[in-house]
Protein backbone atom coordinates (compact mmCIF):
# COMPACT_ATOMS: atom_id res chain seq x y z
CA UNK A 1 311.08 110.69 262.24
CA UNK A 2 308.71 107.96 261.04
CA UNK A 3 306.10 108.36 263.72
CA UNK A 4 306.60 112.30 264.16
CA UNK A 5 305.89 114.16 261.02
CA UNK A 6 307.01 117.43 262.68
CA UNK A 7 310.67 116.07 261.98
CA UNK A 8 309.99 115.83 258.04
CA UNK A 9 309.53 113.19 256.05
CA UNK A 10 312.50 113.32 253.51
CA UNK A 11 315.82 111.47 254.45
CA UNK A 12 319.14 111.82 252.39
CA UNK A 13 322.02 109.34 252.55
CA UNK A 14 324.72 107.77 251.02
CA UNK A 15 325.65 103.94 250.15
CA UNK A 16 328.84 103.54 248.22
CA UNK A 17 328.89 105.93 245.37
CA UNK A 18 325.41 106.55 245.21
CA UNK A 19 322.95 109.04 247.11
CA UNK A 20 319.63 108.29 247.92
CA UNK A 21 316.51 110.09 249.04
CA UNK A 22 313.88 108.47 250.90
CA UNK A 23 310.38 110.04 251.37
CA UNK A 24 308.83 108.47 254.25
CA UNK A 25 305.40 109.99 253.72
CA UNK A 26 304.62 107.77 250.25
CA UNK A 27 307.56 105.39 251.21
CA UNK A 28 309.47 105.67 248.41
CA UNK A 29 313.36 105.28 247.96
CA UNK A 30 314.78 107.71 245.13
CA UNK A 31 318.31 107.49 243.48
CA UNK A 32 319.45 111.01 242.96
CA UNK A 33 321.51 110.18 240.27
CA UNK A 34 319.57 107.44 238.11
CA UNK A 35 316.04 108.52 239.65
CA UNK A 36 315.53 105.08 240.25
CA UNK A 37 312.64 104.52 242.60
CA UNK A 38 311.93 101.89 244.91
CA UNK A 39 309.42 100.99 247.48
CA UNK A 40 310.37 101.33 251.13
CA UNK A 41 308.97 99.44 253.86
CA UNK A 42 309.03 99.09 257.64
CA UNK A 43 310.24 96.48 259.44
CA UNK A 44 306.74 94.86 261.20
CA UNK A 45 307.01 95.47 264.94
CA UNK A 46 307.75 92.48 266.88
CA UNK A 47 304.63 90.62 268.37
CA UNK A 48 305.39 87.56 270.79
CA UNK A 49 303.24 84.48 270.74
CA UNK A 50 301.11 85.95 273.63
CA UNK A 51 300.20 89.26 271.50
CA UNK A 52 299.46 86.70 268.93
CA UNK A 53 296.90 84.75 270.71
CA UNK A 54 295.25 88.12 271.89
CA UNK A 55 294.52 89.40 268.54
CA UNK A 56 293.77 86.31 266.96
CA UNK A 57 290.21 86.31 268.31
CA UNK A 58 289.75 90.01 266.61
CA UNK A 59 291.18 89.90 263.20
CA UNK A 60 292.58 87.49 260.34
CA UNK A 61 295.40 89.23 258.87
CA UNK A 62 295.54 86.34 256.24
CA UNK A 63 292.20 86.22 255.00
CA UNK A 64 291.63 89.99 254.93
CA UNK A 65 294.90 90.57 252.73
CA UNK A 66 293.89 88.63 249.87
CA UNK A 67 290.54 89.05 247.59
CA UNK A 68 287.21 87.66 249.22
CA UNK A 69 286.43 85.41 245.95
CA UNK A 70 289.90 83.70 246.48
CA UNK A 71 289.50 79.95 248.08
CA UNK A 72 290.45 80.18 251.63
CA UNK A 73 291.28 76.79 251.76
CA UNK A 74 294.12 76.91 249.26
CA UNK A 75 296.19 79.99 250.66
CA UNK A 76 299.67 78.85 250.72
CA UNK A 77 302.30 80.98 253.01
CA UNK A 78 304.91 80.80 250.61
CA UNK A 79 304.49 79.91 246.87
CA UNK A 80 301.23 79.98 245.28
CA UNK A 81 298.34 78.03 244.20
CA UNK A 82 296.82 77.66 240.69
CA UNK A 83 292.81 77.06 241.50
CA UNK A 84 291.04 75.56 238.56
CA UNK A 85 287.47 77.69 237.73
CA UNK A 86 284.37 75.84 236.85
CA UNK A 87 283.34 76.72 233.41
CA UNK A 88 279.89 77.05 234.96
CA UNK A 89 281.28 79.86 237.38
CA UNK A 90 280.51 83.81 236.56
CA UNK A 91 284.20 84.32 237.08
CA UNK A 92 284.85 81.84 234.51
CA UNK A 93 282.31 83.47 232.22
CA UNK A 94 283.73 86.80 232.75
CA UNK A 95 287.49 86.02 231.59
CA UNK A 96 286.05 84.14 228.84
CA UNK A 97 284.32 86.97 227.45
CA UNK A 98 287.39 89.21 227.54
CA UNK A 99 289.43 86.61 226.05
CA UNK A 100 286.69 85.81 223.18
CA UNK A 101 286.40 89.55 222.21
CA UNK A 102 289.17 89.54 220.03
CA UNK A 103 289.81 85.88 219.17
CA UNK A 104 288.21 83.45 217.11
CA UNK A 105 288.24 79.96 216.84
CA UNK A 106 290.39 79.49 219.70
CA UNK A 107 289.50 76.30 222.18
CA UNK A 108 289.68 77.10 225.98
CA UNK A 109 291.12 74.32 228.12
CA UNK A 110 291.50 75.68 231.32
CA UNK A 111 291.27 78.91 232.98
CA UNK A 112 292.73 78.93 236.59
CA UNK A 113 293.15 81.60 239.19
CA UNK A 114 296.44 81.97 240.35
CA UNK A 115 296.70 82.68 244.19
CA UNK A 116 299.91 84.13 245.55
CA UNK A 117 299.36 85.83 248.72
CA UNK A 118 302.96 87.42 248.87
CA UNK A 119 302.87 88.99 245.38
CA UNK A 120 299.16 90.16 246.09
CA UNK A 121 300.47 92.09 249.40
CA UNK A 122 303.02 93.96 247.25
CA UNK A 123 300.78 94.58 244.66
CA UNK A 124 298.32 96.17 247.27
CA UNK A 125 300.89 97.93 248.56
CA UNK A 126 302.11 99.74 245.34
CA UNK A 127 298.56 100.23 244.38
CA UNK A 128 297.74 102.40 248.00
CA UNK A 129 301.20 104.11 247.30
CA UNK A 130 300.39 105.40 243.68
CA UNK A 131 296.98 106.36 245.55
CA UNK A 132 298.66 108.29 248.04
CA UNK A 133 300.89 110.01 245.93
CA UNK A 134 297.95 111.27 244.12
CA UNK A 135 298.77 109.54 240.93
CA UNK A 136 295.89 107.74 238.93
CA UNK A 137 296.14 103.93 239.85
CA UNK A 138 294.51 103.37 236.10
CA UNK A 139 294.01 99.92 236.97
CA UNK A 140 293.08 97.33 233.87
CA UNK A 141 292.65 94.09 232.87
CA UNK A 142 295.71 93.02 230.33
CA UNK A 143 296.96 90.35 228.49
CA UNK A 144 300.67 88.36 228.57
CA UNK A 145 301.08 85.57 226.33
CA UNK A 146 304.04 83.61 227.02
CA UNK A 147 306.00 80.26 226.66
CA UNK A 148 304.33 77.43 228.37
CA UNK A 149 307.89 76.85 230.31
CA UNK A 150 308.03 80.50 231.89
CA UNK A 151 304.60 80.25 233.57
CA UNK A 152 305.26 78.59 236.86
CA UNK A 153 307.91 80.86 237.26
CA UNK A 154 306.06 84.24 236.61
CA UNK A 155 303.02 82.67 238.80
CA UNK A 156 305.94 82.29 241.43
CA UNK A 157 307.86 85.52 241.11
CA UNK A 158 305.87 87.83 238.84
CA UNK A 159 307.14 89.35 235.70
CA UNK A 160 311.04 89.66 234.78
CA UNK A 161 311.52 91.14 231.82
CA UNK A 162 315.03 89.63 230.94
CA UNK A 163 312.93 86.92 230.55
CA UNK A 164 309.26 87.50 228.95
CA UNK A 165 310.73 90.41 227.09
CA UNK A 166 312.80 88.65 224.81
CA UNK A 167 310.53 89.12 221.88
CA UNK A 168 311.21 92.81 221.68
CA UNK A 169 312.01 96.26 223.52
CA UNK A 170 310.33 98.41 221.18
CA UNK A 171 309.05 100.62 223.61
CA UNK A 172 311.46 100.24 226.78
CA UNK A 173 313.25 96.88 228.48
CA UNK A 174 310.00 96.50 230.70
CA UNK A 175 306.99 93.89 230.51
CA UNK A 176 304.83 93.89 227.94
CA UNK A 177 301.31 93.80 228.16
CA UNK A 178 298.25 94.19 225.68
CA UNK A 179 294.85 95.25 225.36
CA UNK A 180 293.79 92.59 223.35
CA UNK A 181 294.21 88.95 223.50
CA UNK A 182 294.71 88.84 219.70
CA UNK A 183 298.14 90.80 219.98
CA UNK A 184 299.17 88.63 223.07
CA UNK A 185 298.16 85.10 221.07
CA UNK A 186 301.53 85.73 218.76
CA UNK A 187 303.79 85.57 221.53
CA UNK A 188 302.72 82.44 222.96
CA UNK A 189 304.18 78.83 222.39
CA UNK A 190 303.67 77.63 218.93
CA UNK A 191 303.31 74.07 219.39
CA UNK A 192 300.96 72.36 221.84
CA UNK A 193 299.16 74.47 224.41
CA UNK A 194 299.12 78.01 224.70
CA UNK A 195 299.65 80.06 227.68
CA UNK A 196 298.04 83.23 228.25
CA UNK A 197 297.76 85.42 231.53
CA UNK A 198 295.38 87.67 232.33
CA UNK A 199 296.70 90.68 234.69
CA UNK A 200 296.06 93.44 237.13
CA UNK A 201 297.94 96.17 235.68
CA UNK A 202 298.26 99.52 237.25
CA UNK A 203 299.25 101.44 234.06
CA UNK A 204 298.78 105.01 236.02
CA UNK A 205 299.65 107.98 233.99
CA UNK A 206 301.80 106.64 230.88
CA UNK A 207 303.31 108.34 227.84
CA UNK A 208 305.03 106.69 224.38
CA UNK A 209 307.93 104.52 224.99
CA UNK A 210 311.06 103.91 223.36
CA UNK A 211 313.30 100.97 223.05
CA UNK A 212 316.21 102.89 224.95
CA UNK A 213 313.89 103.30 227.97
CA UNK A 214 315.19 101.52 231.13
CA UNK A 215 312.31 103.43 233.25
CA UNK A 216 309.42 105.73 232.47
CA UNK A 217 310.45 109.29 231.33
CA UNK A 218 309.98 112.18 233.76
CA UNK A 219 306.83 114.16 233.43
CA UNK A 220 308.81 117.52 232.57
CA UNK A 221 312.17 117.56 231.36
CA UNK A 222 314.53 117.40 234.57
CA UNK A 223 311.95 116.66 236.62
CA UNK A 224 311.75 114.30 239.73
CA UNK A 225 308.13 113.13 239.05
CA UNK A 226 308.29 110.10 236.59
CA UNK A 227 305.20 108.57 234.27
CA UNK A 228 304.07 105.17 235.50
CA UNK A 229 304.15 103.04 232.39
CA UNK A 230 304.83 103.62 228.78
CA UNK A 231 302.57 102.80 225.61
CA UNK A 232 302.58 102.22 221.92
CA UNK A 233 299.72 105.23 221.32
CA UNK A 234 299.05 107.76 223.60
CA UNK A 235 295.26 108.55 222.00
CA UNK A 236 294.77 104.73 221.53
CA UNK A 237 297.02 102.50 223.33
CA UNK A 238 296.97 98.94 222.53
CA UNK A 239 300.35 98.01 224.13
CA UNK A 240 301.55 98.49 227.92
CA UNK A 241 304.78 98.32 229.46
CA UNK A 242 305.72 98.45 233.13
CA UNK A 243 309.02 98.58 234.59
CA UNK A 244 307.92 97.82 237.87
CA UNK A 245 307.33 94.20 238.67
CA UNK A 246 304.80 95.13 241.74
CA UNK A 247 302.74 97.30 239.15
CA UNK A 248 301.39 93.74 237.85
CA UNK A 249 299.88 90.69 239.23
CA UNK A 250 299.18 87.78 237.10
CA UNK A 251 295.54 87.10 238.31
CA UNK A 252 294.42 84.02 235.62
CA UNK A 253 296.34 81.68 233.64
CA UNK A 254 294.18 80.52 230.28
CA UNK A 255 295.55 77.21 228.43
CA UNK A 256 294.01 77.21 225.00
CA UNK A 257 294.83 75.63 221.77
CA UNK A 258 294.31 77.25 218.32
CA UNK A 259 291.88 74.68 216.84
CA UNK A 260 290.83 76.68 214.02
CA UNK A 261 294.26 77.95 212.87
CA UNK A 262 295.83 77.32 209.49
CA UNK A 263 297.87 74.11 210.78
CA UNK A 264 294.53 72.47 210.99
CA UNK A 265 293.17 72.98 207.47
CA UNK A 266 296.51 72.39 206.56
CA UNK A 267 295.59 68.29 207.85
CA UNK A 268 292.76 68.03 205.91
CA UNK A 269 294.51 67.43 202.59
CA UNK A 270 295.97 64.27 204.36
CA UNK A 271 291.92 63.06 204.64
CA UNK A 272 291.26 64.09 201.25
CA UNK A 273 294.13 61.88 199.53
CA UNK A 274 292.88 58.67 201.35
CA UNK A 275 294.29 55.48 200.64
CA UNK A 276 291.04 53.62 199.69
CA UNK A 277 290.10 56.07 197.06
CA UNK A 278 293.63 55.39 195.57
CA UNK A 279 292.79 51.63 195.64
CA UNK A 280 289.29 51.96 193.41
CA UNK A 281 291.52 51.82 190.14
CA UNK A 282 292.80 48.06 191.16
CA UNK A 283 288.86 46.95 191.11
CA UNK A 284 288.57 48.09 187.64
CA UNK A 285 291.17 46.18 186.43
CA UNK A 286 289.79 42.87 187.59
CA UNK A 287 291.44 39.74 187.26
CA UNK A 288 288.05 37.97 186.71
CA UNK A 289 287.28 40.35 183.49
CA UNK A 290 290.68 39.48 181.75
CA UNK A 291 290.02 35.45 182.24
CA UNK A 292 286.66 35.81 180.13
CA UNK A 293 288.52 35.24 176.96
CA UNK A 294 289.92 31.79 178.17
CA UNK A 295 286.35 30.76 177.82
CA UNK A 296 286.27 32.04 174.39
CA UNK A 297 289.57 29.87 173.36
CA UNK A 298 287.66 26.76 174.53
CA UNK A 299 289.49 23.45 174.08
CA UNK A 300 286.29 21.65 173.38
CA UNK A 301 285.25 23.68 170.03
CA UNK A 302 288.95 23.29 168.69
CA UNK A 303 288.19 19.41 169.13
CA UNK A 304 285.08 19.72 166.91
CA UNK A 305 287.40 19.44 163.77
CA UNK A 306 288.36 16.09 164.95
CA UNK A 307 285.10 14.10 164.49
CA UNK A 308 285.58 15.52 160.75
CA UNK A 309 289.07 14.27 160.16
CA UNK A 310 287.67 10.72 161.04
CA UNK A 311 290.03 7.77 160.19
CA UNK A 312 286.79 5.67 159.86
CA UNK A 313 286.12 6.86 156.67
CA UNK A 314 289.79 6.50 155.44
CA UNK A 315 288.87 2.62 155.40
CA UNK A 316 286.55 3.47 152.48
CA UNK A 317 289.93 3.66 150.41
CA UNK A 318 289.58 -0.23 150.99
CA UNK A 319 287.98 -0.57 147.48
CA UNK A 320 291.19 0.41 146.21
CA UNK A 321 292.24 -2.79 147.69
CA UNK A 322 289.76 -4.60 144.77
CA UNK A 323 292.48 -6.84 143.42
CA UNK A 324 291.56 -8.92 146.48
CA UNK A 325 289.03 -10.08 144.02
CA UNK A 326 291.28 -10.81 141.58
CA UNK A 327 293.27 -12.94 143.98
CA UNK A 328 290.25 -14.38 145.12
CA UNK A 329 289.49 -16.00 141.67
CA UNK A 330 292.84 -17.26 141.64
CA UNK A 331 292.15 -18.80 144.90
CA UNK A 332 288.98 -20.45 143.63
CA UNK A 333 291.44 -21.99 140.95
CA UNK A 334 288.76 -20.77 138.04
CA UNK A 335 290.21 -19.96 134.72
CA UNK A 336 287.32 -19.55 133.31
CA UNK A 337 286.20 -16.07 131.70
CA UNK A 338 282.96 -15.81 132.91
CA UNK A 339 281.91 -13.34 135.33
CA UNK A 340 281.82 -13.72 138.90
CA UNK A 341 279.02 -12.44 140.46
CA UNK A 342 279.05 -11.03 144.19
CA UNK A 343 276.55 -10.76 146.88
CA UNK A 344 277.36 -7.88 149.12
CA UNK A 345 276.90 -8.76 152.51
CA UNK A 346 275.50 -5.48 153.28
CA UNK A 347 273.66 -4.71 150.74
CA UNK A 348 272.46 -8.21 149.93
CA UNK A 349 272.54 -7.41 146.17
CA UNK A 350 274.00 -9.57 143.44
CA UNK A 351 276.89 -7.49 141.77
CA UNK A 352 280.10 -7.16 140.17
CA UNK A 353 281.43 -4.39 142.80
CA UNK A 354 279.80 -2.56 145.67
CA UNK A 355 281.21 0.65 147.40
CA UNK A 356 280.90 -1.29 150.66
CA UNK A 357 283.77 -3.58 149.72
CA UNK A 358 282.97 -6.53 151.35
CA UNK A 359 281.52 -9.32 149.14
CA UNK A 360 280.21 -12.89 149.23
CA UNK A 361 281.85 -14.69 146.22
CA UNK A 362 279.53 -16.60 144.30
CA UNK A 363 281.15 -18.64 141.09
CA UNK A 364 278.74 -19.01 138.15
CA UNK A 365 279.57 -22.26 136.39
CA UNK A 366 277.63 -23.25 133.22
CA UNK A 367 278.09 -27.07 133.44
């Protein structure tokens, strides 16, 4: 039937309690009750090893099915490779330019290209299907901020709104993408390195979304043709919601840090309140100036009064011991009333008394 268009391109069948309609012309399966659409793929024709050897010289299916600018030496058969771009490459500069267009003060650490051949093939298949159905593919480069713990899962399996849509479903239960990096920044990790994808998104025909939507609404009431995505605003959409993961390819991963964000100025006061300035008052209260009064109270000046109170002048009171002269007269044994002349041993003067108090005694006797 697929090879013979005259037999028709629509097939209807029932599986369980659901009825499906398969359109082989556009390769879509539609649930007639919920109108859910699925891609239909043919099983590849079996080829033996001999057939493969015959065709390897004329075609290369691996390299022809991925973008030509991918690193051909890093094409995994299963899974993905994250290829770091040098900051001198044009590819790096182009992605940085659209990131910096709506952001200020962010420091890009790395930009990596995500090479997942399987996801890319599904994306190309979805794009071809939309083109063949007459729908404008309307391919855009959009941003998606996420927690760093989801990065590898997205690179391997693409976006899943059940994981990535935990921040809100205002316009439908799908995967959200933003026109501006500034918008997606608020959905990244709040600490450490931040992660943001730059994605290719087939937004197609879109309409304003609703939180109750699990898929885009029909273009006409009761119709079977549906919109391809939902937006926040028809005239100037900034947020896009897609419900089929093959409408998206996570092409680049930007890891960056918000070095100029408010947390960094908050750390600057810690530098202002430095311990060194707070220790400056300590030199003001210096112990050395406080010891200066000690020289004022010098013990040497206080000892100067000691020479004033000299015990040597006190012997001048020896003249009080002048009665010695009378005892000396008694010792001489003189009963005479005649005066006794004294010669001062210091003054060498005949005198009756001398302040010195030291005398030579001479008796004057008139025969």
